[in-house]
Amino acid sequence: MADTQTQTNEVPKTKSELVAQNQQNLVATPRAVIQSTFPEQMRQGLPGMINRMVDYNAVTRSVATAAGIPPARAVSQSVAADIDCSLGGTVVGFVGISILDPTLVNPVGSALADGVYPQYSNIGVLTKGEIFATATVITAAGDPVHFGAADGVLTNTGGIGPVVGARWKYSRPANELNVVQLGIQR
C-alpha cells in the first residue's frame, strides 16, 4: 500500500513537467477596472500647496498667533519662543510660507475656517522651494515677494520686503493663483 501512495504523489522529474505543473497552478482571475477615465489636465493647485518637491525644505513650528495662521501666508520668528512662528512679522524674522494641510478641519463652532492652523498647533513652513499663493495685485514673472506685517498676505510691492531669495514665478492678474519660489533655507 505504501508503494501505491508514493506512486500517486510522485513529483515531476523533468523541467518541462515542472513548467507544465506550475502553469496549471497559475490561474489568472480578471478583476474589475477601478478607474477607466482620466481628466485631460491636472487639477489646479490651491494656495499653500507645494508646487514641486524638487530641491525644497520644510520645517515644523508652533503657531504663536492667537488668531491662527492660514495657508500661503508669510510667517516670522516669534519673540515668545525659538520654535514658534507668528503671522506676518518682519523681513529680518521671515522664516517661510505656511503650507496647506488639507486634513486640518477645525471643530464645529470654531471661529477658525478649515485649513487655518490654530494657536499652539504644529504648522508646516516652506523655507525653500515652490509654493502656490495668490497675490492681491498684478504680478510679473520675477517680481520680488513682499508681505503684510500683520496678516502675512503675499504681494509684490509695499508692506514688508522684499524677501531675500524669493520671487513670483509667473505673470498673473490680481487675485489669480501664482507660484512663489523661495531660495532661502533657515
C-alpha atoms as a PDB file:
ATOM      1  CA  MET A   1       0.000   0.000   0.000  1.00  0.00           C
ATOM      2  CA  ALA A   2       2.802   2.392   0.762  1.00  0.00           C
ATOM      3  CA  ASP A   3       4.097   1.844  -2.765  1.00  0.00           C
ATOM      4  CA  THR A   4       0.772   2.952  -4.314  1.00  0.00           C
ATOM      5  CA  GLN A   5       0.714   6.242  -2.354  1.00  0.00           C
ATOM      6  CA  THR A   6       4.282   7.002  -3.346  1.00  0.00           C
ATOM      7  CA  GLN A   7       3.452   6.473  -7.000  1.00  0.00           C
ATOM      8  CA  THR A   8       0.395   8.801  -6.966  1.00  0.00           C
ATOM      9  CA  ASN A   9       2.255  11.640  -5.166  1.00  0.00           C
ATOM     10  CA  GLU A  10       5.234  11.393  -7.457  1.00  0.00           C
ATOM     11  CA  VAL A  11       6.977  14.698  -8.231  1.00  0.00           C
ATOM     12  CA  PRO A  12       7.640  15.587 -11.903  1.00  0.00           C
ATOM     13  CA  LYS A  13      11.234  14.985 -12.788  1.00  0.00           C
ATOM     14  CA  THR A  14      11.906  16.994 -15.932  1.00  0.00           C
ATOM     15  CA  LYS A  15      11.957  20.731 -16.392  1.00  0.00           C
ATOM     16  CA  SER A  16       9.092  20.628 -18.894  1.00  0.00           C
ATOM     17  CA  GLU A  17       6.990  18.625 -16.418  1.00  0.00           C
ATOM     18  CA  LEU A  18       7.684  21.274 -13.702  1.00  0.00           C
ATOM     19  CA  VAL A  19       6.746  24.120 -16.055  1.00  0.00           C
ATOM     20  CA  ALA A  20       3.516  22.372 -17.046  1.00  0.00           C
ATOM     21  CA  GLN A  21       2.629  21.774 -13.381  1.00  0.00           C
ATOM     22  CA  ASN A  22       3.303  25.447 -12.470  1.00  0.00           C
ATOM     23  CA  GLN A  23       1.211  26.698 -15.385  1.00  0.00           C
ATOM     24  CA  GLN A  24      -1.720  24.622 -14.169  1.00  0.00           C
ATOM     25  CA  ASN A  25      -1.401  26.269 -10.740  1.00  0.00           C
ATOM     26  CA  LEU A  26      -1.394  29.799 -12.221  1.00  0.00           C
ATOM     27  CA  VAL A  27      -4.951  30.807 -12.936  1.00  0.00           C
ATOM     28  CA  ALA A  28      -5.495  34.472 -13.808  1.00  0.00           C
ATOM     29  CA  THR A  29      -8.710  35.883 -12.456  1.00  0.00           C
ATOM     30  CA  PRO A  30      -9.913  39.040 -14.226  1.00  0.00           C
ATOM     31  CA  ARG A  31     -10.526  41.980 -11.886  1.00  0.00           C
ATOM     32  CA  ALA A  32     -12.794  44.995 -12.202  1.00  0.00           C
ATOM     33  CA  VAL A  33     -11.189  48.187 -13.505  1.00  0.00           C
ATOM     34  CA  ILE A  34     -11.013  50.730 -10.683  1.00  0.00           C
ATOM     35  CA  GLN A  35     -10.644  53.824 -12.859  1.00  0.00           C
ATOM     36  CA  SER A  36     -11.133  53.838 -16.599  1.00  0.00           C
ATOM     37  CA  THR A  37     -11.305  57.563 -17.365  1.00  0.00           C
ATOM     38  CA  PHE A  38      -8.786  60.267 -16.583  1.00  0.00           C
ATOM     39  CA  PRO A  39      -9.016  64.075 -16.817  1.00  0.00           C
ATOM     40  CA  GLU A  40      -7.078  65.701 -19.636  1.00  0.00           C
ATOM     41  CA  GLN A  41      -5.470  68.236 -17.301  1.00  0.00           C
ATOM     42  CA  MET A  42      -4.246  68.100 -13.739  1.00  0.00           C
ATOM     43  CA  ARG A  43      -6.338  69.887 -11.136  1.00  0.00           C
ATOM     44  CA  GLN A  44      -5.203  73.427 -10.366  1.00  0.00           C
ATOM     45  CA  GLY A  45      -3.211  73.885  -7.175  1.00  0.00           C
ATOM     46  CA  LEU A  46      -4.527  75.504  -4.014  1.00  0.00           C
ATOM     47  CA  PRO A  47      -2.929  78.337  -2.032  1.00  0.00           C
ATOM     48  CA  GLY A  48      -0.356  76.823   0.319  1.00  0.00           C
ATOM     49  CA  MET A  49       0.110  73.641  -1.731  1.00  0.00           C
ATOM     50  CA  ILE A  50       3.715  72.798  -2.595  1.00  0.00           C
ATOM     51  CA  ASN A  51       4.159  73.173  -6.360  1.00  0.00           C
ATOM     52  CA  ARG A  52       7.174  70.926  -6.908  1.00  0.00           C
ATOM     53  CA  MET A  53       9.041  68.702  -4.493  1.00  0.00           C
ATOM     54  CA  VAL A  54      12.365  69.333  -6.161  1.00  0.00           C
ATOM     55  CA  ASP A  55      15.061  70.977  -4.065  1.00  0.00           C
ATOM     56  CA  TYR A  56      12.779  72.072  -1.265  1.00  0.00           C
ATOM     57  CA  ASN A  57      12.866  72.261   2.512  1.00  0.00           C
ATOM     58  CA  ALA A  58      10.037  72.414   5.014  1.00  0.00           C
ATOM     59  CA  VAL A  59      10.134  72.679   8.796  1.00  0.00           C
ATOM     60  CA  THR A  60       7.638  72.308  11.625  1.00  0.00           C
ATOM     61  CA  ARG A  61       6.983  75.191  14.002  1.00  0.00           C
ATOM     62  CA  SER A  62       4.372  76.018  16.605  1.00  0.00           C
ATOM     63  CA  VAL A  63       1.727  78.692  15.956  1.00  0.00           C
ATOM     64  CA  ALA A  64       2.118  81.693  18.295  1.00  0.00           C
ATOM     65  CA  THR A  65      -0.588  83.879  16.684  1.00  0.00           C
ATOM     66  CA  ALA A  66      -3.833  83.787  18.709  1.00  0.00           C
ATOM     67  CA  ALA A  67      -5.993  84.181  15.569  1.00  0.00           C
ATOM     68  CA  GLY A  68      -4.237  81.245  13.865  1.00  0.00           C
ATOM     69  CA  ILE A  69      -2.326  81.108  10.584  1.00  0.00           C
ATOM     70  CA  PRO A  70      -3.948  80.369   7.201  1.00  0.00           C
ATOM     71  CA  PRO A  71      -2.057  78.581   4.403  1.00  0.00           C
ATOM     72  CA  ALA A  72       0.111  80.536   1.918  1.00  0.00           C
ATOM     73  CA  ARG A  73       1.000  83.288   4.376  1.00  0.00           C
ATOM     74  CA  ALA A  74       4.373  84.684   5.376  1.00  0.00           C
ATOM     75  CA  VAL A  75       5.471  83.699   8.874  1.00  0.00           C
ATOM     76  CA  SER A  76       8.267  85.097  11.009  1.00  0.00           C
ATOM     77  CA  GLN A  77      10.237  84.003  14.049  1.00  0.00           C
ATOM     78  CA  SER A  78       8.164  84.553  17.178  1.00  0.00           C
ATOM     79  CA  VAL A  79       9.513  86.643  20.038  1.00  0.00           C
ATOM     80  CA  ALA A  80       7.896  84.208  22.507  1.00  0.00           C
ATOM     81  CA  ALA A  81       9.957  81.075  21.701  1.00  0.00           C
ATOM     82  CA  ASP A  82      12.530  79.861  19.194  1.00  0.00           C
ATOM     83  CA  ILE A  83      10.291  77.110  17.828  1.00  0.00           C
ATOM     84  CA  ASP A  84       7.245  79.406  17.435  1.00  0.00           C
ATOM     85  CA  CYS A  85       6.245  81.442  14.397  1.00  0.00           C
ATOM     86  CA  SER A  86       3.915  84.399  14.031  1.00  0.00           C
ATOM     87  CA  LEU A  87       1.742  85.540  11.149  1.00  0.00           C
ATOM     88  CA  GLY A  88       3.443  88.274   9.096  1.00  0.00           C
ATOM     89  CA  GLY A  89       6.205  89.870  11.127  1.00  0.00           C
ATOM     90  CA  THR A  90       9.407  91.370   9.754  1.00  0.00           C
ATOM     91  CA  VAL A  91      11.673  90.676   6.806  1.00  0.00           C
ATOM     92  CA  VAL A  92      14.569  90.005   9.203  1.00  0.00           C
ATOM     93  CA  GLY A  93      12.458  87.474  11.128  1.00  0.00           C
ATOM     94  CA  PHE A  94      10.916  85.871   8.000  1.00  0.00           C
ATOM     95  CA  VAL A  95      11.225  82.069   8.163  1.00  0.00           C
ATOM     96  CA  GLY A  96       8.983  80.955   5.284  1.00  0.00           C
ATOM     97  CA  ILE A  97       5.446  80.455   3.976  1.00  0.00           C
ATOM     98  CA  SER A  98       2.759  78.352   5.673  1.00  0.00           C
ATOM     99  CA  ILE A  99       1.957  75.079   3.897  1.00  0.00           C
ATOM    100  CA  LEU A 100      -1.610  73.887   3.280  1.00  0.00           C
ATOM    101  CA  ASP A 101      -2.682  70.896   5.372  1.00  0.00           C
ATOM    102  CA  PRO A 102      -5.825  69.554   3.650  1.00  0.00           C
ATOM    103  CA  THR A 103      -6.555  67.279   6.620  1.00  0.00           C
ATOM    104  CA  LEU A 104      -6.836  70.207   9.032  1.00  0.00           C
ATOM    105  CA  VAL A 105     -10.514  70.552   9.919  1.00  0.00           C
ATOM    106  CA  ASN A 106     -11.406  72.785  12.855  1.00  0.00           C
ATOM    107  CA  PRO A 107     -14.251  71.808  15.211  1.00  0.00           C
ATOM    108  CA  VAL A 108     -17.812  72.949  14.550  1.00  0.00           C
ATOM    109  CA  GLY A 109     -18.380  76.308  16.203  1.00  0.00           C
ATOM    110  CA  SER A 110     -14.712  77.284  15.929  1.00  0.00           C
ATOM    111  CA  ALA A 111     -14.016  80.852  14.851  1.00  0.00           C
ATOM    112  CA  LEU A 112     -11.307  79.488  12.526  1.00  0.00           C
ATOM    113  CA  ALA A 113     -12.008  78.410   8.966  1.00  0.00           C
ATOM    114  CA  ASP A 114     -10.930  74.943   7.844  1.00  0.00           C
ATOM    115  CA  GLY A 115      -7.286  74.866   6.893  1.00  0.00           C
ATOM    116  CA  VAL A 116      -6.287  77.582   9.393  1.00  0.00           C
ATOM    117  CA  TYR A 117      -3.734  76.386  11.922  1.00  0.00           C
ATOM    118  CA  PRO A 118      -4.966  77.200  15.442  1.00  0.00           C
ATOM    119  CA  GLN A 119      -2.712  78.714  18.110  1.00  0.00           C
ATOM    120  CA  TYR A 120      -0.238  76.246  19.704  1.00  0.00           C
ATOM    121  CA  SER A 121      -0.664  73.684  16.903  1.00  0.00           C
ATOM    122  CA  ASN A 122       2.170  72.481  14.695  1.00  0.00           C
ATOM    123  CA  ILE A 123       2.421  74.184  11.321  1.00  0.00           C
ATOM    124  CA  GLY A 124       4.337  73.238   8.185  1.00  0.00           C
ATOM    125  CA  VAL A 125       6.532  76.072   6.895  1.00  0.00           C
ATOM    126  CA  LEU A 126       8.203  76.026   3.477  1.00  0.00           C
ATOM    127  CA  THR A 127      11.661  77.594   3.740  1.00  0.00           C
ATOM    128  CA  LYS A 128      12.929  76.623   0.298  1.00  0.00           C
ATOM    129  CA  GLY A 129      11.117  75.545  -2.853  1.00  0.00           C
ATOM    130  CA  GLU A 130       7.941  76.450  -4.751  1.00  0.00           C
ATOM    131  CA  ILE A 131       4.503  77.031  -3.247  1.00  0.00           C
ATOM    132  CA  PHE A 132       1.146  78.157  -4.665  1.00  0.00           C
ATOM    133  CA  ALA A 133      -0.049  81.554  -3.465  1.00  0.00           C
ATOM    134  CA  THR A 134      -2.441  84.293  -4.537  1.00  0.00           C
ATOM    135  CA  ALA A 135      -1.279  87.895  -4.826  1.00  0.00           C
ATOM    136  CA  THR A 136      -3.836  90.653  -4.376  1.00  0.00           C
ATOM    137  CA  VAL A 137      -2.161  92.710  -7.132  1.00  0.00           C
ATOM    138  CA  ILE A 138      -0.885  92.084 -10.662  1.00  0.00           C
ATOM    139  CA  THR A 139       2.416  90.178 -10.614  1.00  0.00           C
ATOM    140  CA  ALA A 140       5.081  89.790 -13.277  1.00  0.00           C
ATOM    141  CA  ALA A 141       7.433  86.826 -13.503  1.00  0.00           C
ATOM    142  CA  GLY A 142      10.488  87.590 -11.386  1.00  0.00           C
ATOM    143  CA  ASP A 143       8.798  90.226  -9.196  1.00  0.00           C
ATOM    144  CA  PRO A 144      10.078  90.338  -5.613  1.00  0.00           C
ATOM    145  CA  VAL A 145       7.967  88.957  -2.766  1.00  0.00           C
ATOM    146  CA  HIS A 146       6.645  91.312  -0.065  1.00  0.00           C
ATOM    147  CA  PHE A 147       4.091  90.592   2.662  1.00  0.00           C
ATOM    148  CA  GLY A 148       1.775  92.289   5.111  1.00  0.00           C
ATOM    149  CA  ALA A 149       3.303  92.737   8.571  1.00  0.00           C
ATOM    150  CA  ALA A 150       0.030  91.913  10.358  1.00  0.00           C
ATOM    151  CA  ASP A 151      -1.660  89.402   8.037  1.00  0.00           C
ATOM    152  CA  GLY A 152       1.244  87.770   6.112  1.00  0.00           C
ATOM    153  CA  VAL A 153      -0.589  88.220   2.789  1.00  0.00           C
ATOM    154  CA  LEU A 154       1.901  87.890  -0.058  1.00  0.00           C
ATOM    155  CA  THR A 155       2.280  90.604  -2.676  1.00  0.00           C
ATOM    156  CA  ASN A 156       4.969  92.087  -4.917  1.00  0.00           C
ATOM    157  CA  THR A 157       5.058  95.668  -3.573  1.00  0.00           C
ATOM    158  CA  GLY A 158       4.621  97.581  -0.336  1.00  0.00           C
ATOM    159  CA  GLY A 159       4.349  96.079   3.101  1.00  0.00           C
ATOM    160  CA  ILE A 160       7.400  94.214   4.358  1.00  0.00           C
ATOM    161  CA  GLY A 161      10.071  93.179   1.884  1.00  0.00           C
ATOM    162  CA  PRO A 162      11.477  92.298  -0.424  1.00  0.00           C
ATOM    163  CA  VAL A 163      12.170  88.816   0.956  1.00  0.00           C
ATOM    164  CA  VAL A 164      15.742  87.880   0.057  1.00  0.00           C
ATOM    165  CA  GLY A 165      15.834  84.929  -2.348  1.00  0.00           C
ATOM    166  CA  ALA A 166      12.082  84.942  -3.086  1.00  0.00           C
ATOM    167  CA  ARG A 167      10.283  85.784  -6.344  1.00  0.00           C
ATOM    168  CA  TRP A 168       6.972  85.331  -8.147  1.00  0.00           C
ATOM    169  CA  LYS A 169       7.342  82.644 -10.813  1.00  0.00           C
ATOM    170  CA  TYR A 170       4.656  83.708 -13.313  1.00  0.00           C
ATOM    171  CA  SER A 171       2.953  86.843 -14.619  1.00  0.00           C
ATOM    172  CA  ARG A 172      -0.648  86.841 -13.364  1.00  0.00           C
ATOM    173  CA  PRO A 173      -3.535  89.293 -12.885  1.00  0.00           C
ATOM    174  CA  ALA A 174      -4.627  90.322  -9.376  1.00  0.00           C
ATOM    175  CA  ASN A 175      -6.199  87.609  -7.175  1.00  0.00           C
ATOM    176  CA  GLU A 176      -5.017  84.861  -9.512  1.00  0.00           C
ATOM    177  CA  LEU A 177      -3.180  81.735  -8.361  1.00  0.00           C
ATOM    178  CA  ASN A 178       0.593  82.008  -8.842  1.00  0.00           C
ATOM    179  CA  VAL A 179       3.742  80.332  -7.542  1.00  0.00           C
ATOM    180  CA  VAL A 180       6.314  81.785  -5.157  1.00  0.00           C
ATOM    181  CA  GLN A 181       9.855  80.490  -5.419  1.00  0.00           C
ATOM    182  CA  LEU A 182      11.851  80.533  -2.171  1.00  0.00           C
ATOM    183  CA  GLY A 183      15.608  80.115  -2.249  1.00  0.00           C
ATOM    184  CA  ILE A 184      16.252  80.616   1.420  1.00  0.00           C
ATOM    185  CA  GLN A 185      16.959  77.955   3.995  1.00  0.00           C
ATOM    186  CA  ARG A 186      16.648  78.734   7.701  1.00  0.00           C
END
